[in-house]
Protein backbone atom coordinates (compact mmCIF):
# COMPACT_ATOMS: atom_id res chain seq x y z
CA MET A 1 -54.81 -5.20 -14.09
CA ILE A 2 -54.09 -1.78 -15.62
CA PHE A 3 -51.75 0.35 -13.57
CA SER A 4 -53.94 3.44 -13.09
CA GLN A 5 -52.63 6.96 -13.41
CA LYS A 6 -53.21 7.51 -9.69
CA TYR A 7 -50.90 4.64 -8.70
CA ARG A 8 -48.35 5.67 -11.31
CA GLU A 9 -48.16 9.13 -9.80
CA LEU A 10 -47.97 7.69 -6.27
CA THR A 11 -45.14 5.35 -7.30
CA ILE A 12 -43.25 8.13 -9.09
CA ASN A 13 -43.63 10.44 -6.09
CA THR A 14 -42.40 7.71 -3.74
CA ILE A 15 -39.36 7.07 -5.93
CA CYS A 16 -38.64 10.80 -6.13
CA VAL A 17 -38.86 11.15 -2.34
CA LEU A 18 -36.45 8.23 -1.91
CA PHE A 19 -33.93 9.86 -4.24
CA ILE A 20 -34.33 13.23 -2.53
CA VAL A 21 -33.72 11.66 0.89
CA LEU A 22 -30.72 9.69 -0.42
CA PHE A 23 -29.03 12.55 -2.27
CA VAL A 24 -29.72 15.29 0.27
CA TYR A 25 -28.48 13.05 3.09
CA ALA A 26 -25.40 12.02 1.08
CA ALA A 27 -24.58 15.59 0.03
CA VAL A 28 -25.04 17.03 3.53
CA SER A 29 -22.90 14.25 5.06
CA LYS A 30 -20.11 15.01 2.58
CA LEU A 31 -20.28 18.77 3.17
CA LEU A 32 -20.44 18.50 6.98
CA ASP A 33 -17.24 16.47 6.98
CA PHE A 34 -15.80 17.88 3.78
CA GLU A 35 -12.16 17.26 4.73
CA THR A 36 -12.74 13.56 5.33
CA PHE A 37 -14.62 13.27 2.03
CA GLN A 38 -11.72 14.89 0.16
CA ILE A 39 -9.23 12.51 1.79
CA GLN A 40 -11.38 9.51 0.88
CA LEU A 41 -11.47 10.67 -2.73
CA ALA A 42 -7.71 11.27 -2.65
CA GLN A 43 -7.25 7.63 -1.64
CA SER A 44 -9.37 6.44 -4.57
CA PRO A 45 -7.51 4.15 -6.99
CA PHE A 46 -8.48 6.20 -10.02
CA LEU A 47 -10.30 9.33 -8.85
CA GLY A 48 -7.57 10.65 -6.55
CA THR A 49 -6.20 12.97 -9.23
CA TYR A 50 -9.59 14.69 -9.48
CA ALA A 51 -10.31 14.76 -5.74
CA GLY A 52 -10.43 18.57 -5.53
CA VAL A 53 -13.01 18.97 -8.31
CA LEU A 54 -15.09 15.89 -7.45
CA SER A 55 -15.33 16.79 -3.77
CA VAL A 56 -17.36 19.84 -4.82
CA LEU A 57 -19.00 18.46 -7.97
CA VAL A 58 -20.52 15.28 -6.50
CA PRO A 59 -22.49 16.86 -3.62
CA GLY A 60 -23.38 19.75 -5.94
CA VAL A 61 -24.90 17.39 -8.52
CA GLU A 62 -26.73 15.46 -5.78
CA ILE A 63 -28.32 18.65 -4.46
CA LEU A 64 -29.16 19.87 -7.98
CA LEU A 65 -30.92 16.60 -8.86
CA SER A 66 -32.82 16.71 -5.57
CA VAL A 67 -34.16 20.16 -6.49
CA LEU A 68 -34.95 19.37 -10.14
CA ILE A 69 -36.81 16.17 -9.27
CA ILE A 70 -39.36 18.22 -7.31
CA ILE A 71 -40.27 20.33 -10.36
CA PRO A 72 -42.66 18.39 -12.68
CA ARG A 73 -41.24 20.04 -15.78
CA TYR A 74 -37.73 18.73 -15.09
CA ARG A 75 -38.64 15.50 -13.30
CA ILE A 76 -37.86 13.04 -16.09
CA ALA A 77 -34.55 14.76 -16.83
CA ALA A 78 -33.73 14.61 -13.10
CA LEU A 79 -34.64 10.90 -12.96
CA ILE A 80 -32.36 10.24 -15.93
CA GLY A 81 -29.62 12.14 -14.09
CA CYS A 82 -30.24 10.01 -10.98
CA PHE A 83 -30.01 6.88 -13.11
CA ALA A 84 -26.72 7.98 -14.70
CA LEU A 85 -25.21 8.96 -11.34
CA MET A 86 -26.19 5.69 -9.66
CA VAL A 87 -24.80 3.71 -12.61
CA MET A 88 -21.49 5.56 -12.26
CA PHE A 89 -21.39 4.90 -8.49
CA THR A 90 -22.15 1.21 -9.10
CA VAL A 91 -19.54 0.77 -11.85
CA TYR A 92 -16.99 2.48 -9.60
CA ILE A 93 -17.68 0.04 -6.76
CA PHE A 94 -17.61 -2.95 -9.12
CA ILE A 95 -14.18 -1.94 -10.44
CA ILE A 96 -12.89 -1.34 -6.91
CA LEU A 97 -14.03 -4.79 -5.75
CA ASN A 98 -12.86 -6.78 -8.75
CA PHE A 99 -9.93 -5.04 -10.40
CA SER A 100 -8.26 -2.64 -8.00
CA ASP A 101 -5.35 -3.47 -5.67
CA ILE A 102 -6.46 -0.69 -3.33
CA VAL A 103 -9.83 -0.56 -1.57
CA PRO A 104 -10.29 2.94 -0.12
CA CYS A 105 -12.60 4.07 2.65
CA SER A 106 -16.36 3.99 2.10
CA CYS A 107 -18.83 6.89 2.21
CA GLY A 108 -19.56 8.84 5.35
CA GLY A 109 -22.69 8.81 7.51
CA VAL A 110 -24.91 5.78 7.95
CA LEU A 111 -23.85 4.39 4.56
CA GLU A 112 -20.31 4.02 5.92
CA LYS A 113 -21.57 1.04 7.92
CA LEU A 114 -22.27 -0.81 4.67
CA SER A 115 -19.54 -2.97 3.19
CA TRP A 116 -18.53 -2.34 -0.41
CA THR A 117 -20.51 -5.40 -1.55
CA GLU A 118 -23.60 -4.28 0.39
CA HIS A 119 -23.16 -0.83 -1.08
CA LEU A 120 -23.09 -2.37 -4.55
CA PHE A 121 -26.48 -4.03 -4.06
CA PHE A 122 -27.84 -0.86 -2.45
CA ASN A 123 -26.89 1.12 -5.56
CA ILE A 124 -28.35 -1.50 -7.91
CA SER A 125 -31.68 -1.27 -6.11
CA PHE A 126 -31.74 2.50 -6.70
CA ILE A 127 -30.84 2.00 -10.36
CA ILE A 128 -33.91 -0.21 -10.64
CA LEU A 129 -36.02 2.44 -8.89
CA ALA A 130 -34.73 5.07 -11.33
CA VAL A 131 -35.62 2.89 -14.32
CA VAL A 132 -39.12 2.27 -12.96
CA GLY A 133 -39.57 5.99 -12.29
CA ILE A 134 -38.41 6.95 -15.79
CA LEU A 135 -40.72 4.39 -17.43
CA LEU A 136 -43.76 5.51 -15.41
CA GLU A 137 -43.03 9.19 -15.93
CA SER A 138 -42.60 8.60 -19.66
CA GLN A 139 -45.94 6.78 -19.74
CA LEU A 140 -47.62 9.80 -18.16
CA LEU A 141 -45.97 12.06 -20.68
CA ARG A 142 -46.88 9.71 -23.52
CA SER A 143 -50.49 10.12 -22.59
CA GLY A 144 -49.95 13.75 -23.56
CA LYS A 145 -47.99 12.60 -26.65
CA LEU A 146 -44.77 14.07 -25.36
CA MET A 147 -42.72 10.93 -25.06
CA THR A 148 -41.67 7.88 -27.08
CA SER A 149 -42.24 4.18 -26.44
CA ASN A 150 -40.83 2.02 -23.63
CA LYS A 151 -38.49 0.39 -26.14
CA ALA A 152 -36.96 3.73 -27.02
CA VAL A 153 -36.64 4.61 -23.32
CA PHE A 154 -34.83 1.34 -22.58
CA PHE A 155 -32.50 1.92 -25.51
CA ALA A 156 -31.69 5.45 -24.34
CA LEU A 157 -30.98 4.21 -20.78
CA LEU A 158 -28.77 1.47 -22.17
CA ILE A 159 -26.73 4.06 -24.08
CA ILE A 160 -26.39 6.19 -20.94
CA ALA A 161 -25.32 3.19 -18.83
CA ALA A 162 -22.80 2.08 -21.47
CA SER A 163 -21.34 5.59 -21.72
CA ALA A 164 -20.96 5.87 -17.93
CA THR A 165 -19.31 2.44 -17.76
CA LEU A 166 -16.93 3.28 -20.62
CA MET A 167 -15.93 6.59 -19.05
CA LEU A 168 -15.06 5.05 -15.66
CA THR A 169 -13.29 2.11 -17.31
CA VAL A 170 -11.08 4.49 -19.31
CA LEU A 171 -10.31 6.44 -16.11
CA PHE A 172 -9.37 3.24 -14.31
CA ILE A 173 -7.15 1.90 -17.11
CA SER A 174 -5.35 5.22 -17.50
CA SER A 175 -4.78 5.51 -13.74
CA GLU A 176 -3.53 1.91 -13.49
CA LYS A 177 -1.09 2.59 -16.31
CA LYS A 178 0.16 5.71 -14.53
CA ILE A 179 0.66 3.95 -11.20
CA TYR A 180 1.86 0.54 -12.31
CA ARG A 181 3.46 0.97 -15.70
CA ASN A 182 6.39 2.89 -17.07
CA GLU A 183 7.18 2.22 -20.72
CA ALA A 184 10.47 4.09 -20.40
CA PHE A 185 12.40 1.14 -18.94
CA GLN A 186 12.72 -2.54 -19.79
CA ARG A 187 13.71 -5.32 -17.41
CA LYS A 188 16.01 -8.22 -18.17
CA TYR A 189 14.31 -11.29 -16.71
CA LEU A 190 16.18 -14.47 -15.89
CA PRO A 191 14.06 -17.65 -15.81
CA ARG A 192 13.65 -19.60 -12.58
CA ALA A 193 16.28 -17.62 -10.68
CA ALA A 194 14.57 -18.58 -7.42
CA LYS A 195 13.74 -22.25 -6.92
CA TYR A 196 10.78 -22.98 -4.64
CA LEU A 197 11.73 -25.09 -1.59
CA GLY A 198 8.61 -24.91 0.57
CA ASP A 199 6.08 -22.77 2.38
CA TYR A 200 4.53 -22.65 5.84
CA GLU A 201 1.18 -21.17 6.89
CA LEU A 202 1.66 -18.97 9.96
CA GLY A 203 -2.07 -18.52 10.51
CA SER A 204 -2.11 -14.72 10.74
CA ASN A 205 -0.98 -11.74 8.71
CA THR A 206 0.35 -9.95 11.82
CA TYR A 207 3.79 -11.55 11.57
CA TYR A 208 6.97 -9.87 10.34
CA LEU A 209 10.51 -11.03 9.60
CA ALA A 210 12.74 -10.22 12.58
CA GLY A 211 15.93 -11.85 11.29
CA PHE A 212 17.47 -14.60 9.20
CA LYS A 213 20.89 -16.21 9.68
CA ASP A 214 22.50 -19.65 9.58
CA SER A 215 19.35 -21.34 8.24
CA VAL A 216 17.20 -20.05 11.12
CA ILE A 217 14.32 -17.66 10.44
CA TYR A 218 13.19 -15.35 13.26
CA ILE A 219 9.58 -14.14 13.08
CA GLY A 220 7.98 -11.46 15.24
CA ASN A 221 4.31 -10.66 15.76
CA PHE A 222 2.96 -7.10 15.86
CA HIS A 223 0.08 -8.20 18.10
CA ALA A 224 2.41 -10.02 20.52
CA PRO A 225 5.50 -7.77 20.48
CA LEU A 226 7.49 -9.77 23.06
CA TYR A 227 7.11 -13.18 21.47
CA LEU A 228 9.24 -14.76 18.78
CA LYS A 229 8.88 -17.74 16.50
CA THR A 230 11.85 -19.54 15.01
CA ILE A 231 11.65 -21.78 11.95
CA ASP A 232 14.51 -23.47 10.13
CA VAL A 233 14.65 -23.30 6.34
CA SER A 234 13.54 -26.94 6.06
CA LEU A 235 10.29 -25.81 7.79
CA ARG A 236 10.47 -28.83 10.10
CA HIS A 237 11.65 -27.32 13.39
CA ILE A 238 9.41 -24.62 14.83
CA GLU A 239 9.59 -23.02 18.26
CA ASP A 240 7.69 -20.24 20.04
CA PHE A 241 9.09 -18.44 23.07
CA PRO A 242 8.86 -15.15 24.99
CA VAL A 243 11.36 -12.29 24.99
CA THR A 244 11.90 -10.19 28.11
CA ILE A 245 13.01 -6.57 28.45
CA SER A 246 14.17 -4.80 31.58
CA ASN A 247 11.55 -2.02 31.46
CA LEU A 248 7.87 -2.60 30.70
CA GLU A 249 6.62 0.76 32.01
CA LEU A 250 7.36 3.02 29.04
CA PRO A 251 4.44 3.94 26.70
CA TYR A 252 5.38 1.61 23.85
CA ARG A 253 3.28 1.77 20.70
CA ARG A 254 5.16 -0.20 18.03
CA ALA A 255 7.89 -2.25 19.65
CA ARG A 256 9.76 -4.42 17.18
CA ILE A 257 12.39 -7.14 17.54
CA MET A 258 15.44 -7.40 15.28
CA VAL A 259 17.71 -10.45 15.52
CA GLU A 260 21.36 -10.65 14.46
CA PRO A 261 22.73 -13.72 16.29
CA PRO A 262 24.18 -13.94 18.84
CA PHE A 263 22.44 -10.65 19.72
CA PHE A 264 18.96 -9.28 19.37
CA PHE A 265 17.47 -5.81 19.88
CA VAL A 266 14.04 -4.52 20.83
CA GLY A 267 13.21 -0.98 19.71
CA ASP A 268 10.27 1.39 19.65
CA GLY A 269 10.90 4.60 17.79
CA THR A 270 7.89 6.37 19.30
CA VAL A 271 9.78 5.99 22.56
CA PRO A 272 13.52 6.73 22.15
CA VAL A 273 14.64 3.39 23.55
CA LEU A 274 16.60 0.31 22.45
CA PHE A 275 17.13 -2.90 24.41
CA ARG A 276 19.84 -5.47 23.68
CA GLY A 277 20.12 -9.10 24.69
CA LYS A 278 21.66 -12.41 23.68
CA THR A 279 19.88 -15.18 21.83
CA ASN A 280 20.98 -17.80 24.36
CA ASP A 281 18.53 -16.50 26.98
CA TRP A 282 16.38 -13.88 25.13
CA GLN A 283 16.62 -11.38 28.01
CA ALA A 284 17.27 -7.78 26.98
CA THR A 285 18.55 -4.87 29.03
CA LEU A 286 18.70 -1.17 28.24
CA PHE A 287 21.06 -0.34 25.37
CA SER A 288 20.10 3.26 24.67
CA TYR A 289 17.49 5.61 26.08
CA ASP A 290 16.44 9.19 25.28
CA GLU A 291 19.05 9.52 22.54
CA ALA A 292 16.85 9.67 19.43
CA TYR A 293 13.38 9.00 18.13
CA PHE A 294 13.36 6.90 14.98
CA LYS A 295 11.17 5.28 12.34
CA GLN A 296 13.55 2.38 11.65
CA PHE A 297 16.61 0.83 13.23
CA GLU A 298 19.08 -1.53 11.60
CA ILE A 299 21.70 -3.69 13.33
CA ALA A 300 25.26 -3.28 12.04
CA ASP A 301 26.73 -5.26 14.93
CA SER A 302 26.27 -5.58 18.68
CA THR A 303 27.56 -2.05 19.33
CA HIS A 304 26.48 -0.14 16.22
CA ILE A 305 22.83 0.60 15.35
CA GLY A 306 21.76 2.61 12.33
CA LEU A 307 18.65 4.79 12.55
CA ALA A 308 16.31 6.47 10.10
CA GLY A 309 14.16 9.22 11.55
CA ILE A 310 13.19 12.88 11.43
CA SER A 311 15.79 15.52 12.24
CA ALA A 312 14.96 17.74 15.21
CA ILE A 313 16.88 20.55 13.49
CA THR A 314 15.72 20.41 9.87
CA SER A 315 12.41 18.48 10.38
CA THR A 316 13.36 16.29 7.42
CA THR A 317 14.33 12.63 7.10
CA ASN A 318 17.85 11.90 8.30
CA LEU A 319 20.12 9.02 9.25
CA GLY A 320 21.70 8.40 12.63
CA LEU A 321 24.12 6.01 14.30
CA ILE A 322 24.26 4.87 17.92
CA THR A 323 27.61 3.45 19.00
CA LYS A 324 27.95 1.72 22.35
CA ALA A 325 31.37 2.35 23.90
CA THR A 326 32.78 1.29 27.26
CA ALA A 327 32.79 4.84 28.63
CA GLN A 328 29.73 6.37 27.04
CA ASP A 329 27.36 6.11 24.10
CA THR A 330 28.08 8.05 20.94
CA VAL A 331 25.17 9.27 18.84
CA ILE A 332 25.76 10.97 15.51
CA PHE A 333 23.32 12.26 12.88
CA ASN A 334 23.93 13.04 9.26
CA ASP A 335 21.35 15.37 7.69
CA LYS A 336 23.17 15.51 4.34
CA ILE A 337 22.70 11.93 3.10
CA ILE A 338 18.95 12.03 2.44
CA THR A 339 18.05 14.60 -0.21
CA LYS A 340 14.91 16.72 0.04
CA GLN A 341 12.64 17.37 -2.94
CA PHE A 342 9.40 18.80 -1.52
CA ASP A 343 8.68 18.44 2.18
CA GLY A 344 11.72 16.35 3.12
CA ILE A 345 9.55 13.80 4.96
CA PHE A 346 7.20 11.97 2.60
CA ASP A 347 9.25 12.62 -0.53
CA SER A 348 12.35 11.15 1.13
CA ASP A 349 10.67 8.25 2.94
CA GLY A 350 12.39 4.91 2.40
CA SER A 351 13.98 1.83 3.94
CA LEU A 352 17.33 1.45 5.69
CA LEU A 353 19.50 -1.66 5.26
CA TRP A 354 22.89 -2.85 6.48
CA ASN A 355 25.14 -4.80 4.14
CA HIS A 356 27.44 -6.93 6.27
CA ALA A 357 29.80 -8.05 3.49
CA HIS A 358 30.79 -4.49 2.53
CA ARG A 359 29.96 -2.84 5.86
CA LYS A 360 27.74 -0.25 4.28
CA PHE A 361 24.35 1.28 5.06
CA ILE A 362 21.95 1.49 2.14
CA TYR A 363 18.92 3.79 2.14
CA THR A 364 16.40 3.20 -0.68
CA TYR A 365 13.73 5.80 -1.43
CA PHE A 366 10.15 4.59 -1.77
CA TYR A 367 8.99 7.26 -4.22
CA ARG A 368 11.95 7.86 -6.51
CA ASN A 369 14.40 5.77 -8.49
CA SER A 370 17.45 6.10 -6.28
CA TYR A 371 19.26 4.91 -3.18
CA GLU A 372 22.07 6.25 -1.01
CA VAL A 373 25.12 4.31 0.20
CA THR A 374 27.26 5.25 3.22
CA ASP A 375 30.10 3.60 5.11
CA GLU A 376 29.69 2.21 8.61
CA ASN A 377 30.18 5.68 10.11
CA LEU A 378 27.48 7.27 7.91
CA ASN A 379 29.99 8.94 5.61
CA TYR A 380 28.47 9.37 2.15
CA LYS A 381 29.88 7.01 -0.50
CA TYR A 382 27.66 7.29 -3.57
CA SER A 383 24.09 7.42 -4.90
CA GLY A 384 22.65 4.62 -7.00
CA LYS A 385 19.84 4.61 -9.55
CA THR A 386 17.12 2.01 -10.05
CA ILE A 387 15.80 1.24 -13.52
CA ASP A 388 12.52 3.13 -13.13
CA THR A 389 12.64 6.67 -14.51
CA VAL A 390 10.64 8.43 -11.77
CA SER A 391 13.36 10.66 -10.32
CA ASN A 392 11.01 13.17 -8.65
CA ALA A 393 8.54 11.79 -6.14
CA ILE A 394 4.92 11.77 -7.35
CA LEU A 395 2.98 12.24 -4.13
CA ASP A 396 -0.71 12.44 -3.30
CA ILE A 397 -0.77 13.41 0.37
CA ALA A 398 -3.76 14.75 2.28
CA HIS A 399 -3.75 15.98 5.88
CA HIS A 400 -6.73 15.32 8.15
CA ASN A 401 -6.76 18.26 10.58
CA LYS A 402 -9.29 16.75 13.00
CA LYS A 403 -7.30 13.54 13.45
CA ASP A 404 -3.88 15.11 12.78
CA GLN A 405 -3.13 12.33 10.29
CA TYR A 406 -1.63 12.18 6.84
CA LYS A 407 -3.17 9.92 4.19
CA ARG A 408 -1.27 8.73 1.15
CA GLY A 409 -3.56 8.42 -1.85
CA ARG A 410 -2.30 7.52 -5.30
CA SER A 411 1.37 8.26 -4.67
CA VAL A 412 3.63 6.40 -7.10
CA THR A 413 5.69 3.88 -5.14
CA VAL A 414 8.81 3.06 -7.15
CA ASN A 415 10.65 0.81 -4.68
CA ARG A 416 8.39 -1.11 -2.25
CA LEU A 417 10.57 -3.54 -0.31
CA THR A 418 14.31 -4.08 -0.12
CA ALA A 419 16.88 -6.62 1.03
CA THR A 420 20.64 -6.90 0.69
CA TYR A 421 23.26 -9.63 0.87
CA GLY A 422 26.75 -10.02 -0.55
CA ASP A 423 27.28 -7.78 -3.56
CA TYR A 424 23.59 -7.27 -4.20
CA LEU A 425 20.68 -5.01 -3.40
CA TYR A 426 17.28 -6.59 -4.06
CA ILE A 427 14.26 -4.36 -4.67
CA ASN A 428 10.63 -5.41 -4.97
CA SER A 429 8.64 -3.13 -7.26
CA ASP A 430 5.04 -3.18 -8.47
CA ARG A 431 5.90 -0.99 -11.43
CA LEU A 432 5.69 -2.65 -14.83
CA GLY A 433 8.18 -1.88 -17.57
CA ARG A 434 7.95 -2.13 -21.34
CA PHE A 435 6.30 -5.28 -22.74
CA GLU A 436 5.41 -6.61 -19.27
CA ASP A 437 2.08 -8.33 -18.67
CA LYS A 438 0.29 -7.30 -15.48
CA THR A 439 -1.34 -10.73 -15.17
CA ALA A 440 2.12 -12.17 -14.46
CA THR A 441 2.11 -10.35 -11.11
CA ASP A 442 -1.22 -11.83 -10.04
CA SER A 443 0.67 -14.72 -8.43
CA ALA A 444 4.24 -13.40 -8.34
CA SER A 445 6.31 -10.45 -7.17
CA ILE A 446 9.00 -8.72 -9.20
CA ILE A 447 12.50 -8.63 -7.70
CA ASP A 448 15.08 -6.32 -9.32
CA VAL A 449 18.74 -7.09 -8.58
CA TYR A 450 21.43 -4.39 -8.34
CA ASN A 451 25.16 -4.77 -7.83
CA ILE A 452 26.35 -2.36 -5.14
CA VAL A 453 30.01 -2.93 -6.06
CA THR A 454 29.64 -1.87 -9.68
CA ASN A 455 26.62 0.34 -8.95
CA SER A 456 24.61 -1.25 -11.76
CA TYR A 457 21.37 -3.03 -12.54
CA GLU A 458 21.94 -6.76 -13.11
CA PHE A 459 18.63 -8.50 -13.85
CA SER A 460 15.13 -9.24 -12.53
CA PHE A 461 13.18 -12.35 -11.64
CA TYR A 462 9.72 -13.41 -10.53
CA LEU A 463 9.07 -14.69 -7.02
CA TYR A 464 5.99 -16.92 -7.24
CA HIS A 465 3.58 -17.23 -4.30
CA GLN A 466 -0.17 -17.45 -3.61
CA GLU A 467 -2.45 -15.64 -6.04
CA ASN A 468 -3.73 -12.09 -5.59
CA LYS A 469 -1.54 -11.40 -2.56
CA LYS A 470 1.28 -8.94 -2.12
CA LEU A 471 4.79 -9.58 -0.89
CA GLU A 472 5.04 -8.11 2.63
CA ASP A 473 8.72 -8.65 3.42
CA PHE A 474 11.71 -10.69 2.27
CA ARG A 475 15.28 -11.42 3.35
CA ILE A 476 18.31 -13.21 1.97
CA TYR A 477 21.12 -15.11 3.64
CA GLY A 478 23.57 -17.18 1.66
CA ASN A 479 21.69 -18.62 -1.28
CA ILE A 480 18.32 -18.72 0.51
CA LEU A 481 15.57 -16.17 0.07
CA ILE A 482 12.65 -16.11 2.48
CA ALA A 483 9.46 -14.18 1.85
CA LEU A 484 6.36 -13.31 3.84
CA VAL A 485 3.09 -13.09 1.90
CA ASN A 486 -0.24 -12.66 3.70
CA GLY A 487 0.72 -14.73 6.74
CA ARG A 488 2.52 -17.46 4.80
CA LEU A 489 6.27 -17.99 4.85
CA TRP A 490 7.92 -18.97 1.56
CA VAL A 491 11.44 -20.40 1.14
CA TYR A 492 13.43 -20.29 -2.10
CA LYS A 493 16.93 -21.18 -3.24
CA LEU A 494 18.72 -18.66 -5.42
CA LYS A 495 20.46 -20.31 -8.35
CA PRO A 496 24.22 -19.61 -7.99
CA GLU A 497 24.81 -19.48 -11.76
CA TYR A 498 22.93 -16.18 -11.85
CA PHE A 499 25.12 -14.53 -9.23
CA ASN A 500 28.79 -13.73 -8.97
CA PRO A 501 30.63 -16.65 -7.30
CA GLY A 502 30.90 -16.19 -3.59
CA SER A 503 28.81 -13.03 -3.40
CA ASN A 504 25.65 -14.79 -2.29
CA THR A 505 26.96 -17.92 -0.62
CA THR A 506 28.74 -18.57 2.65
CA HIS A 507 29.80 -21.72 4.39
CA THR A 508 27.08 -21.33 7.01
CA GLY A 509 24.44 -19.77 4.80
CA GLN A 510 24.55 -22.03 1.77
CA TYR A 511 21.70 -24.48 1.49
CA GLN A 512 22.24 -27.91 0.01
CA ASP A 513 19.40 -29.89 -1.55
């Protein structure tokens, strides 16, 4: 049956109305909550750099197309614009779902309730509507001999779709290279430096490593903050038990357990409190209260606790030390160890470690290629450099005024996770150096090894684990490395021939096959 001109016009008008409703709604939603939209763009894996421009351009284009599609003279041009825009949205979502390590927030409004996959199919349906509308409109125009054949229309749309796909693909590849690759350094990989011994499925990704000593692994759970799990390195002996503290009335928000046998500590930096107990009964009493707020705490020994927090005087990241004496507690802060580059908070964010063998605190920056070393009393010793060349933090921070929250978009993380034992500092980094293949990290994490005695880079090795998952935490004791990856515990043996004799082995920590 011939599709009459009346039904063609009705179908075109229906399609136009659908696009007007979609684009006007989407544009108004973005503009009404403009700050949130900007933050979502800033978190985008490859559009974050252009968040300022795109936050204005996208709703502007949507409104412009909604106006042009009403005017018969510009309708086909507007429909082609709708097609191109929907193709770009769809390609963006496809790349996010299949190739990106980061999945940002979705759109605002009702469409926010759709998952990314549902959003993909939603967009495809509107691409089809745009194609139908363009074909029908071109047929109407052809009747007036103003338009070419359907074949030519399809070819033109194919060129537009290919161009949009190519443009977004180039943006993605260039952004991935910026975030994950630095051709200015080259790693020295040693083969099979970590021998796989076994793995154990914990059943949830809410676990964290609370301690590791004498072949016993201590595992905490963020959702059950006063429960611990112990597993030996053979993965045969597993025990779950509760931990008690002397005060449950304080407004805890992120209590965390740290174990250094025969003692353990419970701390919550949002409340300036630390509890200490012994591992023979797992009952903790007040160790320190109202002395300092902190982001991290690290056990030096039963009477010395290192802190990383924000200075009340300078409002920048600083280090502190709580010492428990018989007469009174001593709390000292050193605002001169951590160096400020921009705001002194995000640019100097990092992780604090305690090296027992050399009795030193080590603070490694997340966003720059350096770390600081102090003695046990927080006296500055020296600064070390990692092999990456990013010496000034590359940050993409947006502040959400309504929620009073900061969001980190495409900031370049140089040093993700850290651990230390013996003479060595171990750093996990996602950054690829010269000649490195990104596919190698699909099922492995990169560990860079630094000697804190000679202040030098030694070598790197791969830590293999389940595919397409990121290393969440790792620790080393003796010649054993344990790692936590997406709720699964992995155990490895470090090959002693790759390390200085005695620096990574002890009588109690060495594992024998």
